[in-house]
Amino acid sequence: MHILKVFKSTLYYSIFSVSLFLVACKTSEEITTSQSASTEVSQELENALLWKITGNELSSPSYLYGTIHLITGEDYFLPEGTLGAFDQSKNIVFEIDMSLMSDLSSQMAMLKDIFMKDNLTLKDLLDEEKYSLVSNHFSKMGMPMFMLERMKPLFLSVFASGDLDLGGLQSGTMKSYEMEFYEMASLTNKPVAGLETVEYQLSMFDSIPYSVQADILVQAIQSSDEGSDQFRMMIDMYKSQDITGMIKMISDEDSGMKGYEDLLVDQRNKNWISVMDEMMKDGPVFFAVGAGHLAGDNGVIKLLRKAGYDVIAVKQASDIPKIF
């Protein structure tokens, strides 16, 4: 595979897949425990991926949809009402502006940010045994280490599971909700935008010590090599629309990212509310963000409610009023 193609694929998956990885790196036992614990608060928020936003003198509803950044093609689905909410929205807004993902100049500018600073390499962060584990794992995936040595380990962690097929988006075996919605927006000439910049998302990787990232990478590979079915369990949770369960999995004590949830999830959610507020004043918006951002005390749903909005789960197509 050409090096530029690998870099571009890594960039795309990594930008959108931090929350996906946080869930997928768990053991089956940890996931089962998290699911059981989540049932205690399952009534706190309904199991739903699509939510209607009204109130605060909005002239028309906006919508919030929880995505999973990668899903197998056969499991891809849209809950009832999603297409109607999309059609009745003036603008489509993602975590970042998806149009940048198809712009070559933007892609090339982003590539520099996937590398560690100070010419550090994985060999500087791992002992010989762990480095060999990482090297052998990626070689088997057709990704030789000379291409990956200086990449930030958290980027590489996204690829630790063999379930994440690099060519899956092209072949159709994998789908991205963001890409599907972006294509729908392009076909219907709906403007797209982002809640934050690519530069901001990429800067988060520099806030987590490279040594911690390297440990997470090793943990993810060891979990993958044990042949566990975490990815399948995560998809099943997504298909059941259990957003409370998903956020509990991300914040679990043993997720490998304990202590960084505020950086990766909570603070970003808080930043988004004022941006969403301004966007919704201009007309109905369809917001598509990772499902891991929806639930929890610092989740987007509760933060919007604290800001004075009514946020209600959409259960059927009739919940979507036609405004044009």
Protein backbone atom coordinates (compact mmCIF):
# COMPACT_ATOMS: atom_id res chain seq x y z
CA MET A 1 0.00 0.00 0.00
CA HIS A 2 1.39 3.41 -0.95
CA ILE A 3 2.67 5.33 2.08
CA LEU A 4 0.46 8.36 1.37
CA LYS A 5 -2.61 6.14 1.22
CA VAL A 6 -1.72 4.62 4.60
CA PHE A 7 -1.14 8.05 6.12
CA LYS A 8 -4.43 9.38 4.77
CA SER A 9 -6.32 6.34 6.02
CA THR A 10 -4.66 6.60 9.42
CA LEU A 11 -5.51 10.27 9.63
CA TYR A 12 -9.17 9.70 8.81
CA TYR A 13 -9.71 6.80 11.19
CA SER A 14 -7.75 8.35 14.04
CA ILE A 15 -9.47 11.73 13.99
CA PHE A 16 -12.89 10.12 14.32
CA SER A 17 -12.14 6.97 16.29
CA VAL A 18 -10.79 7.86 19.75
CA SER A 19 -14.08 7.05 21.46
CA LEU A 20 -14.44 3.91 19.36
CA PHE A 21 -11.02 2.72 20.53
CA LEU A 22 -11.70 3.55 24.17
CA VAL A 23 -14.60 1.11 24.09
CA ALA A 24 -13.03 -1.54 21.87
CA CYS A 25 -9.84 -1.95 23.92
CA LYS A 26 -11.70 -3.51 26.85
CA THR A 27 -11.86 -7.17 27.68
CA SER A 28 -15.14 -9.02 27.35
CA GLU A 29 -15.39 -9.29 31.15
CA GLU A 30 -14.98 -5.54 31.54
CA ILE A 31 -17.67 -4.86 28.94
CA THR A 32 -20.11 -7.23 30.60
CA THR A 33 -19.48 -5.56 33.95
CA SER A 34 -20.03 -2.12 32.45
CA GLN A 35 -23.25 -3.23 30.80
CA SER A 36 -24.56 -4.62 34.07
CA ALA A 37 -23.68 -1.44 35.93
CA SER A 38 -25.33 0.70 33.28
CA THR A 39 -28.71 -0.96 33.81
CA GLU A 40 -28.93 0.74 37.20
CA VAL A 41 -29.15 4.12 35.48
CA SER A 42 -30.60 3.03 32.15
CA GLN A 43 -33.80 4.94 32.85
CA GLU A 44 -31.85 8.16 33.27
CA LEU A 45 -31.79 8.61 29.50
CA GLU A 46 -33.78 6.64 26.99
CA ASN A 47 -32.03 4.28 24.63
CA ALA A 48 -32.02 6.46 21.53
CA LEU A 49 -29.52 7.76 19.00
CA LEU A 50 -31.74 10.51 17.55
CA TRP A 51 -32.88 13.45 19.71
CA LYS A 52 -35.00 16.52 18.91
CA ILE A 53 -33.90 19.91 20.25
CA THR A 54 -36.49 22.63 20.87
CA GLY A 55 -37.02 25.56 23.23
CA ASN A 56 -34.95 28.67 23.90
CA GLU A 57 -37.06 30.50 21.31
CA LEU A 58 -35.91 28.29 18.43
CA SER A 59 -38.18 28.84 15.44
CA SER A 60 -37.88 25.19 14.40
CA PRO A 61 -36.40 22.00 15.89
CA SER A 62 -32.82 20.90 15.43
CA TYR A 63 -31.62 17.32 15.83
CA LEU A 64 -28.78 15.49 17.56
CA TYR A 65 -27.65 12.11 16.24
CA GLY A 66 -25.12 9.81 17.94
CA THR A 67 -22.83 8.12 15.46
CA ILE A 68 -20.41 5.26 15.65
CA HIS A 69 -17.45 6.24 13.54
CA LEU A 70 -16.99 2.80 12.03
CA ILE A 71 -19.45 -0.07 11.74
CA THR A 72 -19.63 -3.20 9.62
CA GLY A 73 -21.67 -2.69 6.48
CA GLU A 74 -24.13 -5.42 7.41
CA ASP A 75 -24.82 -3.77 10.78
CA TYR A 76 -25.29 -0.25 9.46
CA PHE A 77 -28.78 1.08 10.16
CA LEU A 78 -30.67 4.33 10.66
CA PRO A 79 -33.26 4.58 13.46
CA GLU A 80 -36.79 5.56 12.47
CA GLY A 81 -37.08 9.29 11.90
CA THR A 82 -33.42 9.87 11.01
CA LEU A 83 -33.96 10.55 7.32
CA GLY A 84 -36.86 12.85 8.13
CA ALA A 85 -34.76 14.81 10.63
CA PHE A 86 -31.98 15.07 8.07
CA ASP A 87 -34.37 16.28 5.36
CA GLN A 88 -35.92 18.90 7.65
CA SER A 89 -32.53 20.36 8.61
CA LYS A 90 -30.94 23.31 6.87
CA ASN A 91 -27.34 22.55 7.82
CA ILE A 92 -25.43 19.35 8.64
CA VAL A 93 -22.80 19.69 11.36
CA PHE A 94 -20.17 17.15 12.42
CA GLU A 95 -17.45 17.16 15.07
CA ILE A 96 -15.21 18.57 12.36
CA ASP A 97 -15.97 19.86 8.87
CA MET A 98 -16.17 16.69 6.78
CA SER A 99 -15.42 18.54 3.57
CA LEU A 100 -11.80 18.76 4.75
CA MET A 101 -11.51 14.98 4.51
CA SER A 102 -11.93 15.17 0.74
CA ASP A 103 -9.63 18.15 0.23
CA LEU A 104 -6.10 17.06 -0.67
CA SER A 105 -4.39 20.24 0.48
CA SER A 106 -6.10 20.01 3.88
CA GLN A 107 -5.14 16.35 4.18
CA MET A 108 -1.50 17.08 3.45
CA ALA A 109 -1.45 19.90 6.01
CA MET A 110 -2.82 17.53 8.65
CA LEU A 111 -0.25 14.79 8.04
CA LYS A 112 2.48 16.58 9.98
CA ASP A 113 0.37 16.42 13.11
CA ILE A 114 0.27 12.63 13.27
CA PHE A 115 3.98 12.43 14.17
CA MET A 116 5.56 12.65 17.61
CA LYS A 117 7.63 15.70 18.44
CA ASP A 118 11.40 15.80 19.06
CA ASN A 119 11.99 12.95 16.58
CA LEU A 120 10.80 10.40 19.12
CA THR A 121 10.09 6.87 17.87
CA LEU A 122 8.29 3.88 19.30
CA LYS A 123 11.68 2.32 20.05
CA ASP A 124 12.31 5.19 22.47
CA LEU A 125 9.10 4.40 24.35
CA LEU A 126 8.99 0.59 24.46
CA ASP A 127 11.34 -2.11 25.65
CA GLU A 128 12.54 -4.71 23.18
CA GLU A 129 9.83 -7.25 23.97
CA LYS A 130 6.95 -4.79 23.66
CA TYR A 131 8.40 -3.21 20.54
CA SER A 132 8.65 -6.65 18.93
CA LEU A 133 5.00 -7.29 19.82
CA VAL A 134 3.93 -4.05 18.13
CA SER A 135 6.15 -4.56 15.10
CA ASN A 136 4.97 -8.13 14.47
CA HIS A 137 1.34 -7.12 14.88
CA PHE A 138 1.44 -4.35 12.29
CA SER A 139 3.64 -6.35 9.89
CA LYS A 140 0.93 -9.03 9.82
CA MET A 141 -1.55 -6.28 8.91
CA GLY A 142 0.64 -5.19 5.99
CA MET A 143 1.86 -2.04 7.76
CA PRO A 144 5.68 -2.23 8.09
CA MET A 145 7.14 -0.41 11.08
CA PHE A 146 9.39 1.91 9.09
CA MET A 147 6.21 3.70 8.04
CA LEU A 148 4.86 3.91 11.59
CA GLU A 149 7.89 4.51 13.84
CA ARG A 150 7.25 8.20 14.50
CA MET A 151 3.43 8.19 14.52
CA LYS A 152 1.77 9.08 17.79
CA PRO A 153 0.93 5.75 19.48
CA LEU A 154 -2.69 6.69 20.08
CA PHE A 155 -3.18 6.99 16.32
CA LEU A 156 -1.83 3.48 15.88
CA SER A 157 -4.01 2.15 18.70
CA VAL A 158 -7.05 2.72 16.50
CA PHE A 159 -5.67 0.02 14.19
CA ALA A 160 -4.77 -2.48 16.88
CA SER A 161 -7.88 -4.54 16.21
CA GLY A 162 -8.03 -6.51 13.03
CA ASP A 163 -11.74 -5.63 12.91
CA LEU A 164 -10.84 -2.19 11.59
CA ASP A 165 -10.19 -2.92 7.92
CA LEU A 166 -8.16 -0.19 6.23
CA GLY A 167 -9.88 -0.76 2.91
CA GLY A 168 -13.29 -1.39 4.38
CA LEU A 169 -14.74 2.01 3.53
CA GLN A 170 -13.85 1.54 -0.12
CA SER A 171 -15.04 -2.07 -0.35
CA GLY A 172 -18.24 -1.50 1.63
CA THR A 173 -17.42 -4.00 4.36
CA MET A 174 -17.18 -1.05 6.76
CA LYS A 175 -19.21 2.13 6.87
CA SER A 176 -18.78 5.51 8.51
CA TYR A 177 -21.91 7.35 9.60
CA GLU A 178 -20.06 10.63 9.10
CA MET A 179 -19.20 9.74 5.51
CA GLU A 180 -22.74 8.51 4.83
CA PHE A 181 -24.27 11.73 6.15
CA TYR A 182 -21.69 13.81 4.30
CA GLU A 183 -22.56 12.12 1.01
CA MET A 184 -26.26 12.69 1.72
CA ALA A 185 -25.54 16.36 2.36
CA SER A 186 -23.59 16.64 -0.89
CA LEU A 187 -26.39 15.04 -2.89
CA THR A 188 -28.97 17.42 -1.39
CA ASN A 189 -26.75 20.52 -1.48
CA LYS A 190 -26.92 21.01 2.28
CA PRO A 191 -24.02 23.03 3.78
CA VAL A 192 -21.75 21.18 6.21
CA ALA A 193 -19.69 22.52 9.10
CA GLY A 194 -17.82 21.40 12.21
CA LEU A 195 -18.18 22.02 15.94
CA GLU A 196 -14.42 22.21 16.33
CA THR A 197 -11.34 22.38 14.13
CA VAL A 198 -9.19 19.49 13.00
CA GLU A 199 -6.24 21.24 14.59
CA TYR A 200 -7.98 21.19 17.96
CA GLN A 201 -8.80 17.49 17.71
CA LEU A 202 -5.25 16.63 16.73
CA SER A 203 -3.80 18.76 19.53
CA MET A 204 -5.49 16.49 22.08
CA PHE A 205 -3.02 13.75 21.21
CA ASP A 206 -0.16 15.97 22.41
CA SER A 207 -1.86 16.45 25.77
CA ILE A 208 -1.51 12.75 26.59
CA PRO A 209 2.11 11.71 27.34
CA TYR A 210 3.59 9.57 24.59
CA SER A 211 4.62 6.99 27.20
CA VAL A 212 0.98 6.62 28.24
CA GLN A 213 -0.05 6.38 24.59
CA ALA A 214 2.54 3.66 24.02
CA ASP A 215 1.22 1.63 26.97
CA ILE A 216 -2.31 1.94 25.59
CA LEU A 217 -1.08 0.75 22.19
CA VAL A 218 0.49 -2.37 23.73
CA GLN A 219 -2.67 -3.03 25.75
CA ALA A 220 -4.83 -2.75 22.64
CA ILE A 221 -2.63 -5.16 20.67
CA GLN A 222 -2.54 -7.69 23.49
CA SER A 223 -6.33 -7.53 23.73
CA SER A 224 -6.65 -7.99 19.97
CA ASP A 225 -4.23 -10.90 19.89
CA GLU A 226 -6.27 -12.68 22.56
CA GLY A 227 -9.02 -12.94 19.99
CA SER A 228 -11.73 -11.23 22.04
CA ASP A 229 -14.94 -10.03 20.45
CA GLN A 230 -15.11 -6.51 21.91
CA PHE A 231 -15.85 -4.87 18.57
CA ARG A 232 -18.88 -7.10 18.09
CA MET A 233 -20.13 -6.32 21.59
CA MET A 234 -19.67 -2.61 21.00
CA ILE A 235 -21.68 -2.75 17.77
CA ASP A 236 -24.45 -4.67 19.53
CA MET A 237 -24.61 -1.98 22.21
CA TYR A 238 -24.78 0.69 19.51
CA LYS A 239 -27.57 -1.14 17.68
CA SER A 240 -29.53 -1.29 20.94
CA GLN A 241 -29.00 2.52 21.10
CA ASP A 242 -27.72 2.23 24.68
CA ILE A 243 -25.96 5.58 24.91
CA THR A 244 -25.73 5.42 28.70
CA GLY A 245 -23.94 2.09 28.49
CA MET A 246 -21.52 3.47 25.91
CA ILE A 247 -20.45 6.42 28.03
CA LYS A 248 -19.99 4.17 31.07
CA MET A 249 -17.69 1.94 29.03
CA ILE A 250 -15.60 4.93 27.98
CA SER A 251 -15.20 6.18 31.56
CA ASP A 252 -14.50 2.76 33.09
CA GLU A 253 -11.60 2.61 35.57
CA ASP A 254 -9.72 0.05 33.46
CA SER A 255 -10.22 1.59 30.04
CA GLY A 256 -6.57 2.69 29.82
CA MET A 257 -7.61 6.33 29.49
CA LYS A 258 -8.72 7.02 33.06
CA GLY A 259 -7.89 10.62 33.85
CA TYR A 260 -8.20 11.85 30.27
CA GLU A 261 -12.00 11.69 29.86
CA ASP A 262 -12.31 15.42 30.57
CA LEU A 263 -9.85 16.20 27.78
CA LEU A 264 -11.24 13.79 25.20
CA VAL A 265 -14.95 13.99 25.98
CA ASP A 266 -16.26 16.30 28.73
CA GLN A 267 -14.46 19.53 27.86
CA ARG A 268 -15.23 19.13 24.19
CA ASN A 269 -18.92 18.61 24.98
CA LYS A 270 -18.93 21.82 27.02
CA ASN A 271 -17.19 23.72 24.22
CA TRP A 272 -19.79 22.57 21.71
CA ILE A 273 -22.87 23.95 23.49
CA SER A 274 -22.25 27.62 22.72
CA VAL A 275 -21.34 26.72 19.13
CA MET A 276 -24.52 24.70 18.73
CA ASP A 277 -26.55 27.52 20.26
CA GLU A 278 -25.33 29.99 17.62
CA MET A 279 -25.81 27.55 14.76
CA MET A 280 -29.39 26.71 15.71
CA LYS A 281 -30.36 30.38 15.68
CA ASP A 282 -29.84 30.36 11.89
CA GLY A 283 -32.25 27.48 11.30
CA PRO A 284 -32.66 23.75 11.90
CA VAL A 285 -29.40 21.82 12.22
CA PHE A 286 -28.68 18.10 12.09
CA PHE A 287 -25.75 17.50 14.47
CA ALA A 288 -23.91 14.18 14.01
CA VAL A 289 -21.37 13.44 16.77
CA GLY A 290 -20.00 10.29 18.36
CA ALA A 291 -22.60 8.49 20.49
CA GLY A 292 -20.13 8.52 23.39
CA HIS A 293 -20.70 12.28 23.65
CA LEU A 294 -24.46 12.10 24.22
CA ALA A 295 -25.02 10.62 27.69
CA GLY A 296 -23.60 11.32 31.13
CA ASP A 297 -23.73 14.34 33.43
CA ASN A 298 -21.38 16.17 31.06
CA GLY A 299 -22.94 14.71 27.94
CA VAL A 300 -24.36 16.92 25.21
CA ILE A 301 -27.99 16.03 26.03
CA LYS A 302 -27.81 17.11 29.67
CA LEU A 303 -25.66 20.15 28.85
CA LEU A 304 -28.23 21.32 26.30
CA ARG A 305 -30.98 20.84 28.87
CA LYS A 306 -29.00 22.88 31.40
CA ALA A 307 -28.73 25.60 28.75
CA GLY A 308 -32.52 25.75 28.60
CA TYR A 309 -33.30 23.48 25.65
CA ASP A 310 -35.83 20.66 25.57
CA VAL A 311 -34.07 17.54 24.27
CA ILE A 312 -36.41 14.62 23.61
CA ALA A 313 -35.70 11.17 22.14
CA VAL A 314 -37.17 10.57 18.68
CA LYS A 315 -38.92 7.22 18.56
CA GLN A 316 -40.89 7.38 15.30
CA ALA A 317 -41.02 9.32 12.05
CA SER A 318 -44.12 11.24 13.18
CA ASP A 319 -41.96 12.92 15.85
CA ILE A 320 -40.35 14.96 13.04
CA PRO A 321 -42.42 18.02 12.12
CA LYS A 322 -42.31 19.08 8.47
CA ILE A 323 -41.22 22.69 8.10
CA PHE A 324 -40.33 22.73 4.40
